[in-house]
Amino acid sequence: MSPRAPALDYRTAFALAPIGLVLSRQRQIVDCNERLLTMFGAGREQLIGQSFEVLYPTHEEFERTGARIVASLDADGGYADDRVMKRLDGPRRGELFWCHVSGRALDPREPHAAGIWAFEDLSSRRKLKVAFTPREREIAALLIDGHTSKQIGKTLAISPRTVDVYRARLMRKVGAATTPELVNKLLAA
């Protein structure tokens, strides 16, 4: 090992990972790495000890995502989705962007007690060109994941017909004639 190379241990791997990493307890950020701070334009003091809510566009999206995580954990406590997040500070303060979030609750029986989460900024591949409401953002994310109206309705505790109304709004906003075309436009946006 050269004299300049840092020691390779779990702390170094966490700090220098190519994706944003967060350790959480009760939906509060206990620790995070530099990549996450850069992604959200934040300093450590702005995130450590704070609720994940500061990274969401609205309080409602924070609450509904928490409920969705609880309802969708796999047997090992794993969960992943694409969602719209909000930059906290810096030159892009307040900017909304698509983010892939994956990770796991350390105890699947208590999903928010403790977890480790990875954040990948998708903004270089997927732009938010159209202004969507918070509910439209949630439905768009679930459509991208391949969910049906019935599945989305169950996940969001709304009727499948209401999902269809939101889907129609999304289709009008992006100029799509079919659901597959909507999904393609959302992915390419």
N, C-alpha and C. Protein backbone atom coordinates (compact mmCIF):
# COMPACT_ATOMS: atom_id res chain seq x y z
N MET A 1 0.86 -1.18 0.00
CA MET A 1 0.00 0.00 0.00
C MET A 1 0.90 1.23 0.00
N SER A 2 0.56 2.21 -0.85
CA SER A 2 1.37 3.42 -0.92
C SER A 2 1.14 4.25 0.33
N PRO A 3 2.07 5.14 0.68
CA PRO A 3 1.93 5.93 1.90
C PRO A 3 0.73 6.89 1.86
N ARG A 4 0.26 7.25 0.66
CA ARG A 4 -0.85 8.20 0.55
C ARG A 4 -2.23 7.53 0.58
N ALA A 5 -2.30 6.25 0.31
CA ALA A 5 -3.59 5.56 0.25
C ALA A 5 -4.19 5.46 1.65
N PRO A 6 -5.48 5.81 1.76
CA PRO A 6 -6.13 5.68 3.08
C PRO A 6 -6.31 4.20 3.44
N ALA A 7 -6.37 3.95 4.73
CA ALA A 7 -6.63 2.58 5.19
C ALA A 7 -7.99 2.16 4.64
N LEU A 8 -8.09 0.93 4.19
CA LEU A 8 -9.35 0.45 3.63
C LEU A 8 -10.11 -0.32 4.71
N ASP A 9 -11.12 0.32 5.24
CA ASP A 9 -11.96 -0.30 6.25
C ASP A 9 -13.41 0.11 5.98
N TYR A 10 -14.32 -0.37 6.80
CA TYR A 10 -15.72 -0.09 6.55
C TYR A 10 -16.01 1.41 6.61
N ARG A 11 -15.36 2.15 7.48
CA ARG A 11 -15.62 3.59 7.61
C ARG A 11 -15.17 4.33 6.35
N THR A 12 -14.01 3.94 5.81
CA THR A 12 -13.53 4.55 4.57
C THR A 12 -14.46 4.20 3.42
N ALA A 13 -14.90 2.95 3.35
CA ALA A 13 -15.82 2.52 2.30
C ALA A 13 -17.13 3.30 2.38
N PHE A 14 -17.65 3.50 3.57
CA PHE A 14 -18.88 4.28 3.77
C PHE A 14 -18.65 5.72 3.31
N ALA A 15 -17.58 6.33 3.76
CA ALA A 15 -17.32 7.74 3.47
C ALA A 15 -17.10 8.00 1.98
N LEU A 16 -16.44 7.08 1.30
CA LEU A 16 -16.06 7.30 -0.10
C LEU A 16 -16.92 6.55 -1.12
N ALA A 17 -18.00 5.95 -0.69
CA ALA A 17 -18.87 5.20 -1.61
C ALA A 17 -19.34 6.09 -2.75
N PRO A 18 -19.52 5.52 -3.95
CA PRO A 18 -19.94 6.32 -5.10
C PRO A 18 -21.42 6.69 -5.11
N ILE A 19 -22.17 6.27 -4.11
CA ILE A 19 -23.57 6.64 -3.96
C ILE A 19 -23.78 7.22 -2.57
N GLY A 20 -24.86 7.95 -2.39
CA GLY A 20 -25.16 8.51 -1.08
C GLY A 20 -25.61 7.42 -0.13
N LEU A 21 -25.06 7.41 1.07
CA LEU A 21 -25.43 6.42 2.08
C LEU A 21 -25.87 7.12 3.35
N VAL A 22 -26.88 6.52 4.00
CA VAL A 22 -27.42 7.07 5.24
C VAL A 22 -27.68 5.94 6.23
N LEU A 23 -27.30 6.16 7.47
CA LEU A 23 -27.71 5.31 8.58
C LEU A 23 -28.83 6.06 9.30
N SER A 24 -29.94 5.36 9.59
CA SER A 24 -31.07 6.06 10.19
C SER A 24 -31.61 5.33 11.41
N ARG A 25 -32.28 6.11 12.25
CA ARG A 25 -33.06 5.61 13.39
C ARG A 25 -34.33 6.44 13.46
N GLN A 26 -35.46 5.77 13.49
CA GLN A 26 -36.76 6.43 13.58
C GLN A 26 -36.92 7.55 12.55
N ARG A 27 -36.45 7.27 11.32
CA ARG A 27 -36.54 8.20 10.19
C ARG A 27 -35.74 9.48 10.40
N GLN A 28 -34.72 9.39 11.25
CA GLN A 28 -33.78 10.50 11.43
C GLN A 28 -32.41 10.06 10.94
N ILE A 29 -31.67 11.01 10.39
CA ILE A 29 -30.35 10.73 9.84
C ILE A 29 -29.33 10.70 10.98
N VAL A 30 -28.74 9.52 11.20
CA VAL A 30 -27.73 9.34 12.24
C VAL A 30 -26.34 9.64 11.68
N ASP A 31 -26.11 9.19 10.44
CA ASP A 31 -24.84 9.45 9.77
C ASP A 31 -25.09 9.39 8.26
N CYS A 32 -24.24 10.06 7.52
CA CYS A 32 -24.32 10.03 6.06
C CYS A 32 -22.92 10.27 5.50
N ASN A 33 -22.77 9.95 4.22
CA ASN A 33 -21.46 10.14 3.62
C ASN A 33 -21.41 11.42 2.78
N GLU A 34 -20.22 11.71 2.29
CA GLU A 34 -20.00 12.93 1.51
C GLU A 34 -20.83 12.97 0.23
N ARG A 35 -21.00 11.82 -0.41
CA ARG A 35 -21.76 11.79 -1.66
C ARG A 35 -23.20 12.25 -1.42
N LEU A 36 -23.80 11.84 -0.32
CA LEU A 36 -25.16 12.27 -0.01
C LEU A 36 -25.19 13.78 0.24
N LEU A 37 -24.22 14.29 0.98
CA LEU A 37 -24.17 15.72 1.25
C LEU A 37 -24.08 16.52 -0.05
N THR A 38 -23.24 16.05 -0.96
CA THR A 38 -23.09 16.71 -2.26
C THR A 38 -24.38 16.64 -3.05
N MET A 39 -25.01 15.47 -3.07
CA MET A 39 -26.25 15.27 -3.83
C MET A 39 -27.34 16.25 -3.39
N PHE A 40 -27.46 16.46 -2.08
CA PHE A 40 -28.52 17.32 -1.57
C PHE A 40 -28.04 18.75 -1.30
N GLY A 41 -26.76 19.04 -1.59
CA GLY A 41 -26.24 20.39 -1.39
C GLY A 41 -26.26 20.81 0.06
N ALA A 42 -25.91 19.89 0.95
CA ALA A 42 -26.04 20.16 2.38
C ALA A 42 -24.72 19.96 3.11
N GLY A 43 -24.61 20.58 4.26
CA GLY A 43 -23.51 20.34 5.18
C GLY A 43 -23.95 19.30 6.20
N ARG A 44 -22.98 18.63 6.82
CA ARG A 44 -23.30 17.61 7.83
C ARG A 44 -24.23 18.15 8.91
N GLU A 45 -23.96 19.37 9.34
CA GLU A 45 -24.76 19.96 10.42
C GLU A 45 -26.22 20.18 10.01
N GLN A 46 -26.49 20.23 8.70
CA GLN A 46 -27.86 20.40 8.23
C GLN A 46 -28.63 19.08 8.19
N LEU A 47 -27.92 17.95 8.22
CA LEU A 47 -28.59 16.66 8.08
C LEU A 47 -28.49 15.76 9.31
N ILE A 48 -27.34 15.69 9.93
CA ILE A 48 -27.18 14.77 11.06
C ILE A 48 -28.15 15.16 12.18
N GLY A 49 -28.92 14.19 12.63
CA GLY A 49 -29.92 14.42 13.68
C GLY A 49 -31.25 14.94 13.15
N GLN A 50 -31.34 15.17 11.85
CA GLN A 50 -32.57 15.69 11.25
C GLN A 50 -33.44 14.56 10.71
N SER A 51 -34.71 14.83 10.59
CA SER A 51 -35.64 13.91 9.97
C SER A 51 -35.40 13.88 8.46
N PHE A 52 -35.64 12.73 7.84
CA PHE A 52 -35.58 12.63 6.38
C PHE A 52 -36.52 13.64 5.72
N GLU A 53 -37.49 14.13 6.46
CA GLU A 53 -38.49 15.03 5.90
C GLU A 53 -37.85 16.23 5.20
N VAL A 54 -36.68 16.70 5.66
CA VAL A 54 -36.05 17.86 5.04
C VAL A 54 -35.66 17.60 3.59
N LEU A 55 -35.62 16.34 3.17
CA LEU A 55 -35.21 15.98 1.81
C LEU A 55 -36.40 15.74 0.87
N TYR A 56 -37.61 15.93 1.37
CA TYR A 56 -38.81 15.69 0.58
C TYR A 56 -39.44 17.01 0.15
N PRO A 57 -40.11 17.01 -1.02
CA PRO A 57 -40.78 18.23 -1.47
C PRO A 57 -41.89 18.70 -0.53
N THR A 58 -42.62 17.75 0.07
CA THR A 58 -43.72 18.12 0.97
C THR A 58 -43.77 17.15 2.16
N HIS A 59 -44.42 17.61 3.21
CA HIS A 59 -44.64 16.77 4.40
C HIS A 59 -45.47 15.53 4.02
N GLU A 60 -46.47 15.73 3.17
CA GLU A 60 -47.34 14.63 2.78
C GLU A 60 -46.56 13.53 2.05
N GLU A 61 -45.62 13.92 1.18
CA GLU A 61 -44.82 12.92 0.47
C GLU A 61 -43.92 12.15 1.44
N PHE A 62 -43.39 12.85 2.42
CA PHE A 62 -42.59 12.19 3.46
C PHE A 62 -43.44 11.16 4.20
N GLU A 63 -44.62 11.54 4.63
CA GLU A 63 -45.50 10.65 5.38
C GLU A 63 -45.94 9.45 4.54
N ARG A 64 -46.37 9.72 3.31
CA ARG A 64 -46.85 8.62 2.47
C ARG A 64 -45.73 7.67 2.08
N THR A 65 -44.53 8.18 1.87
CA THR A 65 -43.40 7.29 1.56
C THR A 65 -43.10 6.41 2.76
N GLY A 66 -43.15 6.96 3.95
CA GLY A 66 -42.93 6.15 5.15
C GLY A 66 -43.93 5.03 5.28
N ALA A 67 -45.18 5.33 5.00
CA ALA A 67 -46.23 4.30 5.06
C ALA A 67 -46.02 3.26 3.97
N ARG A 68 -45.62 3.71 2.79
CA ARG A 68 -45.39 2.79 1.67
C ARG A 68 -44.23 1.84 1.98
N ILE A 69 -43.19 2.35 2.63
CA ILE A 69 -42.05 1.51 2.99
C ILE A 69 -42.51 0.41 3.95
N VAL A 70 -43.25 0.79 4.96
CA VAL A 70 -43.73 -0.19 5.95
C VAL A 70 -44.54 -1.28 5.26
N ALA A 71 -45.39 -0.90 4.32
CA ALA A 71 -46.28 -1.86 3.66
C ALA A 71 -45.57 -2.72 2.62
N SER A 72 -44.39 -2.29 2.17
CA SER A 72 -43.76 -2.96 1.03
C SER A 72 -42.43 -3.64 1.31
N LEU A 73 -41.98 -3.69 2.55
CA LEU A 73 -40.71 -4.34 2.85
C LEU A 73 -40.74 -5.81 2.46
N ASP A 74 -39.62 -6.31 1.95
CA ASP A 74 -39.56 -7.75 1.69
C ASP A 74 -39.22 -8.47 2.99
N ALA A 75 -39.12 -9.77 2.96
CA ALA A 75 -38.91 -10.58 4.17
C ALA A 75 -37.61 -10.22 4.90
N ASP A 76 -36.61 -9.75 4.15
CA ASP A 76 -35.33 -9.36 4.77
C ASP A 76 -35.28 -7.90 5.18
N GLY A 77 -36.39 -7.18 5.00
CA GLY A 77 -36.43 -5.77 5.35
C GLY A 77 -36.00 -4.86 4.21
N GLY A 78 -35.83 -5.40 3.01
CA GLY A 78 -35.38 -4.60 1.87
C GLY A 78 -36.50 -3.81 1.22
N TYR A 79 -36.12 -2.70 0.63
CA TYR A 79 -37.07 -1.83 -0.07
C TYR A 79 -36.31 -1.01 -1.09
N ALA A 80 -36.95 -0.71 -2.22
CA ALA A 80 -36.35 0.17 -3.22
C ALA A 80 -37.45 0.83 -4.04
N ASP A 81 -37.21 2.08 -4.44
CA ASP A 81 -38.12 2.77 -5.35
C ASP A 81 -37.41 3.97 -5.96
N ASP A 82 -38.07 4.57 -6.95
CA ASP A 82 -37.66 5.86 -7.49
C ASP A 82 -38.65 6.87 -6.96
N ARG A 83 -38.14 8.02 -6.51
CA ARG A 83 -39.03 9.05 -5.97
C ARG A 83 -38.44 10.42 -6.26
N VAL A 84 -39.25 11.43 -6.12
CA VAL A 84 -38.78 12.80 -6.28
C VAL A 84 -38.34 13.31 -4.91
N MET A 85 -37.12 13.86 -4.89
CA MET A 85 -36.56 14.41 -3.66
C MET A 85 -36.26 15.90 -3.90
N LYS A 86 -35.81 16.59 -2.85
CA LYS A 86 -35.57 18.03 -2.93
C LYS A 86 -34.16 18.35 -2.44
N ARG A 87 -33.43 19.15 -3.22
CA ARG A 87 -32.11 19.60 -2.80
C ARG A 87 -32.29 20.60 -1.66
N LEU A 88 -31.46 20.46 -0.65
CA LEU A 88 -31.64 21.24 0.57
C LEU A 88 -31.02 22.62 0.48
N ASP A 89 -29.84 22.71 -0.11
CA ASP A 89 -29.11 23.98 -0.07
C ASP A 89 -28.16 24.06 -1.26
N GLY A 90 -27.34 25.07 -1.28
CA GLY A 90 -26.37 25.24 -2.35
C GLY A 90 -26.98 25.95 -3.54
N PRO A 91 -26.27 25.95 -4.67
CA PRO A 91 -26.74 26.68 -5.85
C PRO A 91 -28.02 26.11 -6.45
N ARG A 92 -28.35 24.86 -6.14
CA ARG A 92 -29.57 24.24 -6.67
C ARG A 92 -30.63 24.08 -5.58
N ARG A 93 -30.56 24.89 -4.56
CA ARG A 93 -31.48 24.84 -3.42
C ARG A 93 -32.94 24.78 -3.88
N GLY A 94 -33.69 23.83 -3.32
CA GLY A 94 -35.10 23.69 -3.62
C GLY A 94 -35.41 22.92 -4.89
N GLU A 95 -34.39 22.59 -5.68
CA GLU A 95 -34.62 21.86 -6.93
C GLU A 95 -35.16 20.46 -6.62
N LEU A 96 -36.17 20.05 -7.38
CA LEU A 96 -36.71 18.71 -7.26
C LEU A 96 -36.01 17.83 -8.27
N PHE A 97 -35.73 16.57 -7.88
CA PHE A 97 -35.03 15.66 -8.78
C PHE A 97 -35.43 14.23 -8.48
N TRP A 98 -35.34 13.37 -9.52
CA TRP A 98 -35.61 11.95 -9.35
C TRP A 98 -34.43 11.30 -8.65
N CYS A 99 -34.75 10.42 -7.71
CA CYS A 99 -33.72 9.75 -6.91
C CYS A 99 -34.14 8.28 -6.74
N HIS A 100 -33.19 7.38 -6.92
CA HIS A 100 -33.44 5.97 -6.63
C HIS A 100 -32.98 5.72 -5.20
N VAL A 101 -33.87 5.19 -4.38
CA VAL A 101 -33.57 4.91 -2.98
C VAL A 101 -33.74 3.42 -2.74
N SER A 102 -32.73 2.81 -2.16
CA SER A 102 -32.82 1.39 -1.81
C SER A 102 -32.14 1.20 -0.47
N GLY A 103 -32.48 0.12 0.17
CA GLY A 103 -31.86 -0.17 1.45
C GLY A 103 -32.65 -1.19 2.21
N ARG A 104 -32.41 -1.19 3.52
CA ARG A 104 -33.13 -2.16 4.32
C ARG A 104 -33.29 -1.68 5.74
N ALA A 105 -34.42 -2.08 6.30
CA ALA A 105 -34.65 -1.91 7.73
C ALA A 105 -33.91 -3.04 8.42
N LEU A 106 -33.18 -2.73 9.47
CA LEU A 106 -32.40 -3.77 10.14
C LEU A 106 -33.28 -4.80 10.83
N ASP A 107 -34.48 -4.38 11.23
CA ASP A 107 -35.46 -5.30 11.80
C ASP A 107 -36.77 -5.12 11.04
N PRO A 108 -37.11 -6.05 10.15
CA PRO A 108 -38.32 -5.89 9.34
C PRO A 108 -39.60 -5.72 10.16
N ARG A 109 -39.60 -6.16 11.40
CA ARG A 109 -40.79 -5.99 12.25
C ARG A 109 -40.95 -4.55 12.72
N GLU A 110 -39.85 -3.79 12.72
CA GLU A 110 -39.88 -2.37 13.09
C GLU A 110 -39.17 -1.59 11.98
N PRO A 111 -39.88 -1.35 10.88
CA PRO A 111 -39.25 -0.80 9.67
C PRO A 111 -38.50 0.51 9.84
N HIS A 112 -38.94 1.37 10.74
CA HIS A 112 -38.27 2.67 10.88
C HIS A 112 -37.32 2.74 12.06
N ALA A 113 -37.19 1.66 12.82
CA ALA A 113 -36.33 1.68 14.00
C ALA A 113 -34.88 1.96 13.64
N ALA A 114 -34.34 1.26 12.66
CA ALA A 114 -32.96 1.47 12.23
C ALA A 114 -32.81 0.93 10.82
N GLY A 115 -32.03 1.63 9.99
CA GLY A 115 -31.84 1.16 8.63
C GLY A 115 -30.62 1.76 7.99
N ILE A 116 -30.27 1.20 6.85
CA ILE A 116 -29.21 1.75 6.01
C ILE A 116 -29.80 1.93 4.62
N TRP A 117 -29.59 3.12 4.05
CA TRP A 117 -30.25 3.50 2.81
C TRP A 117 -29.25 4.08 1.83
N ALA A 118 -29.41 3.72 0.56
CA ALA A 118 -28.56 4.22 -0.51
C ALA A 118 -29.39 5.13 -1.41
N PHE A 119 -28.81 6.26 -1.79
CA PHE A 119 -29.48 7.25 -2.63
C PHE A 119 -28.65 7.45 -3.90
N GLU A 120 -29.32 7.33 -5.06
CA GLU A 120 -28.65 7.57 -6.33
C GLU A 120 -29.39 8.67 -7.07
N ASP A 121 -28.71 9.74 -7.38
CA ASP A 121 -29.28 10.87 -8.11
C ASP A 121 -29.50 10.46 -9.56
N LEU A 122 -30.75 10.49 -10.01
CA LEU A 122 -31.09 10.11 -11.38
C LEU A 122 -31.25 11.32 -12.30
N SER A 123 -30.95 12.51 -11.80
CA SER A 123 -31.24 13.72 -12.57
C SER A 123 -30.47 13.83 -13.87
N SER A 124 -29.33 13.16 -14.01
CA SER A 124 -28.61 13.22 -15.28
C SER A 124 -29.32 12.40 -16.35
N ARG A 125 -30.17 11.45 -15.93
CA ARG A 125 -30.88 10.60 -16.87
C ARG A 125 -32.37 10.91 -16.96
N ARG A 126 -32.90 11.53 -15.92
CA ARG A 126 -34.35 11.77 -15.86
C ARG A 126 -34.60 13.16 -15.27
N LYS A 127 -35.09 14.04 -16.11
CA LYS A 127 -35.36 15.42 -15.69
C LYS A 127 -36.84 15.61 -15.39
N LEU A 128 -37.10 16.53 -14.48
CA LEU A 128 -38.47 16.93 -14.20
C LEU A 128 -38.77 18.16 -15.04
N LYS A 129 -39.34 17.95 -16.24
CA LYS A 129 -39.62 19.06 -17.15
C LYS A 129 -41.02 19.62 -16.96
N VAL A 130 -41.90 18.84 -16.38
CA VAL A 130 -43.29 19.23 -16.20
C VAL A 130 -43.56 19.32 -14.70
N ALA A 131 -44.34 20.32 -14.31
CA ALA A 131 -44.68 20.46 -12.89
C ALA A 131 -45.79 19.47 -12.53
N PHE A 132 -45.47 18.55 -11.65
CA PHE A 132 -46.44 17.57 -11.17
C PHE A 132 -46.81 17.91 -9.73
N THR A 133 -48.03 17.57 -9.35
CA THR A 133 -48.44 17.70 -7.96
C THR A 133 -47.76 16.58 -7.16
N PRO A 134 -47.72 16.69 -5.84
CA PRO A 134 -47.13 15.61 -5.04
C PRO A 134 -47.76 14.25 -5.33
N ARG A 135 -49.08 14.19 -5.44
CA ARG A 135 -49.74 12.90 -5.70
C ARG A 135 -49.38 12.40 -7.11
N GLU A 136 -49.30 13.29 -8.08
CA GLU A 136 -48.89 12.89 -9.43
C GLU A 136 -47.48 12.32 -9.42
N ARG A 137 -46.59 12.92 -8.64
CA ARG A 137 -45.21 12.39 -8.53
C ARG A 137 -45.22 10.98 -7.98
N GLU A 138 -46.04 10.74 -6.95
CA GLU A 138 -46.11 9.40 -6.37
C GLU A 138 -46.65 8.39 -7.38
N ILE A 139 -47.71 8.75 -8.07
CA ILE A 139 -48.30 7.83 -9.03
C ILE A 139 -47.34 7.60 -10.20
N ALA A 140 -46.66 8.65 -10.65
CA ALA A 140 -45.67 8.48 -11.72
C ALA A 140 -44.58 7.50 -11.30
N ALA A 141 -44.09 7.63 -10.08
CA ALA A 141 -43.04 6.71 -9.60
C ALA A 141 -43.54 5.27 -9.58
N LEU A 142 -44.76 5.06 -9.15
CA LEU A 142 -45.30 3.70 -9.10
C LEU A 142 -45.59 3.15 -10.49
N LEU A 143 -46.01 4.01 -11.41
CA LEU A 143 -46.20 3.57 -12.80
C LEU A 143 -44.87 3.15 -13.41
N ILE A 144 -43.83 3.92 -13.14
CA ILE A 144 -42.49 3.58 -13.65
C ILE A 144 -42.06 2.21 -13.13
N ASP A 145 -42.44 1.91 -11.89
CA ASP A 145 -42.10 0.61 -11.30
C ASP A 145 -42.97 -0.53 -11.83
N GLY A 146 -43.94 -0.21 -12.71
CA GLY A 146 -44.75 -1.25 -13.35
C GLY A 146 -46.02 -1.63 -12.60
N HIS A 147 -46.44 -0.82 -11.64
CA HIS A 147 -47.65 -1.14 -10.88
C HIS A 147 -48.91 -0.84 -11.69
N THR A 148 -49.95 -1.62 -11.44
CA THR A 148 -51.26 -1.41 -12.05
C THR A 148 -52.04 -0.40 -11.23
N SER A 149 -53.15 0.07 -11.79
CA SER A 149 -54.02 1.01 -11.06
C SER A 149 -54.49 0.40 -9.74
N LYS A 150 -54.84 -0.87 -9.78
CA LYS A 150 -55.30 -1.55 -8.56
C LYS A 150 -54.18 -1.59 -7.51
N GLN A 151 -52.97 -1.93 -7.93
CA GLN A 151 -51.84 -1.99 -6.99
C GLN A 151 -51.52 -0.60 -6.44
N ILE A 152 -51.53 0.40 -7.32
CA ILE A 152 -51.25 1.78 -6.87
C ILE A 152 -52.32 2.23 -5.89
N GLY A 153 -53.59 1.95 -6.22
CA GLY A 153 -54.67 2.32 -5.33
C GLY A 153 -54.51 1.71 -3.95
N LYS A 154 -54.15 0.43 -3.93
CA LYS A 154 -53.95 -0.25 -2.64
C LYS A 154 -52.78 0.36 -1.88
N THR A 155 -51.68 0.62 -2.59
CA THR A 155 -50.49 1.20 -1.95
C THR A 155 -50.78 2.58 -1.37
N LEU A 156 -51.52 3.40 -2.12
CA LEU A 156 -51.77 4.78 -1.70
C LEU A 156 -53.11 4.97 -0.98
N ALA A 157 -53.84 3.87 -0.78
CA ALA A 157 -55.14 3.91 -0.09
C ALA A 157 -56.12 4.84 -0.80
N ILE A 158 -56.16 4.71 -2.14
CA ILE A 158 -57.14 5.42 -2.95
C ILE A 158 -57.75 4.41 -3.92
N SER A 159 -58.84 4.79 -4.55
CA SER A 159 -59.49 3.84 -5.45
C SER A 159 -58.71 3.73 -6.77
N PRO A 160 -58.79 2.57 -7.42
CA PRO A 160 -58.16 2.44 -8.74
C PRO A 160 -58.70 3.47 -9.74
N ARG A 161 -59.95 3.84 -9.61
CA ARG A 161 -60.53 4.87 -10.50
C ARG A 161 -59.83 6.21 -10.28
N THR A 162 -59.55 6.55 -9.04
CA THR A 162 -58.82 7.79 -8.76
C THR A 162 -57.42 7.74 -9.37
N VAL A 163 -56.79 6.58 -9.31
CA VAL A 163 -55.48 6.41 -9.95
C VAL A 163 -55.61 6.67 -11.45
N ASP A 164 -56.67 6.15 -12.06
CA ASP A 164 -56.89 6.36 -13.49
C ASP A 164 -57.05 7.84 -13.83
N VAL A 165 -57.71 8.58 -12.95
CA VAL A 165 -57.87 10.03 -13.17
C VAL A 165 -56.50 10.70 -13.14
N TYR A 166 -55.69 10.35 -12.17
CA TYR A 166 -54.34 10.93 -12.09
C TYR A 166 -53.49 10.51 -13.29
N ARG A 167 -53.62 9.26 -13.71
CA ARG A 167 -52.87 8.79 -14.88
C ARG A 167 -53.26 9.62 -16.10
N ALA A 168 -54.55 9.89 -16.27
CA ALA A 168 -55.01 10.69 -17.40
C ALA A 168 -54.41 12.10 -17.35
N ARG A 169 -54.35 12.68 -16.16
CA ARG A 169 -53.73 14.01 -16.01
C ARG A 169 -52.26 13.97 -16.41
N LEU A 170 -51.57 12.93 -15.94
CA LEU A 170 -50.15 12.78 -16.29
C LEU A 170 -49.98 12.64 -17.80
N MET A 171 -50.84 11.85 -18.42
CA MET A 171 -50.76 11.65 -19.86
C MET A 171 -50.96 12.97 -20.61
N ARG A 172 -51.93 13.78 -20.16
CA ARG A 172 -52.14 15.09 -20.79
C ARG A 172 -50.91 15.98 -20.61
N LYS A 173 -50.35 15.99 -19.42
CA LYS A 173 -49.21 16.88 -19.14
C LYS A 173 -47.98 16.55 -19.97
N VAL A 174 -47.75 15.26 -20.23
CA VAL A 174 -46.55 14.89 -20.99
C VAL A 174 -46.85 14.58 -22.45
N GLY A 175 -48.12 14.62 -22.84
CA GLY A 175 -48.49 14.37 -24.22
C GLY A 175 -48.40 12.91 -24.63
N ALA A 176 -48.85 12.03 -23.75
CA ALA A 176 -48.81 10.59 -24.04
C ALA A 176 -50.22 10.09 -24.35
N ALA A 177 -50.31 9.15 -25.28
CA ALA A 177 -51.62 8.60 -25.66
C ALA A 177 -51.93 7.29 -24.94
N THR A 178 -50.89 6.59 -24.48
CA THR A 178 -51.08 5.30 -23.82
C THR A 178 -50.23 5.26 -22.55
N THR A 179 -50.54 4.30 -21.69
CA THR A 179 -49.73 4.15 -20.47
C THR A 179 -48.28 3.80 -20.78
N PRO A 180 -48.01 2.86 -21.70
CA PRO A 180 -46.60 2.59 -22.02
C PRO A 180 -45.87 3.83 -22.54
N GLU A 181 -46.56 4.64 -23.34
CA GLU A 181 -45.94 5.87 -23.83
C GLU A 181 -45.70 6.84 -22.66
N LEU A 182 -46.64 6.91 -21.72
CA LEU A 182 -46.45 7.75 -20.53
C LEU A 182 -45.22 7.31 -19.76
N VAL A 183 -45.11 6.03 -19.51
CA VAL A 183 -43.94 5.51 -18.76
C VAL A 183 -42.64 5.83 -19.51
N ASN A 184 -42.65 5.62 -20.82
CA ASN A 184 -41.45 5.93 -21.61
C ASN A 184 -41.09 7.41 -21.53
N LYS A 185 -42.10 8.28 -21.59
CA LYS A 185 -41.84 9.71 -21.50
C LYS A 185 -41.36 10.10 -20.11
N LEU A 186 -41.91 9.48 -19.08
CA LEU A 186 -41.44 9.75 -17.73
C LEU A 186 -39.99 9.32 -17.55
N LEU A 187 -39.66 8.16 -18.09
CA LEU A 187 -38.28 7.66 -17.99
C LEU A 187 -37.31 8.49 -18.81
N ALA A 188 -37.76 9.00 -19.95
CA ALA A 188 -36.88 9.77 -20.83
C ALA A 188 -36.85 11.24 -20.47
N ALA A 189 -37.78 11.68 -19.65
CA ALA A 189 -37.89 13.11 -19.34
C ALA A 189 -36.61 13.66 -18.76
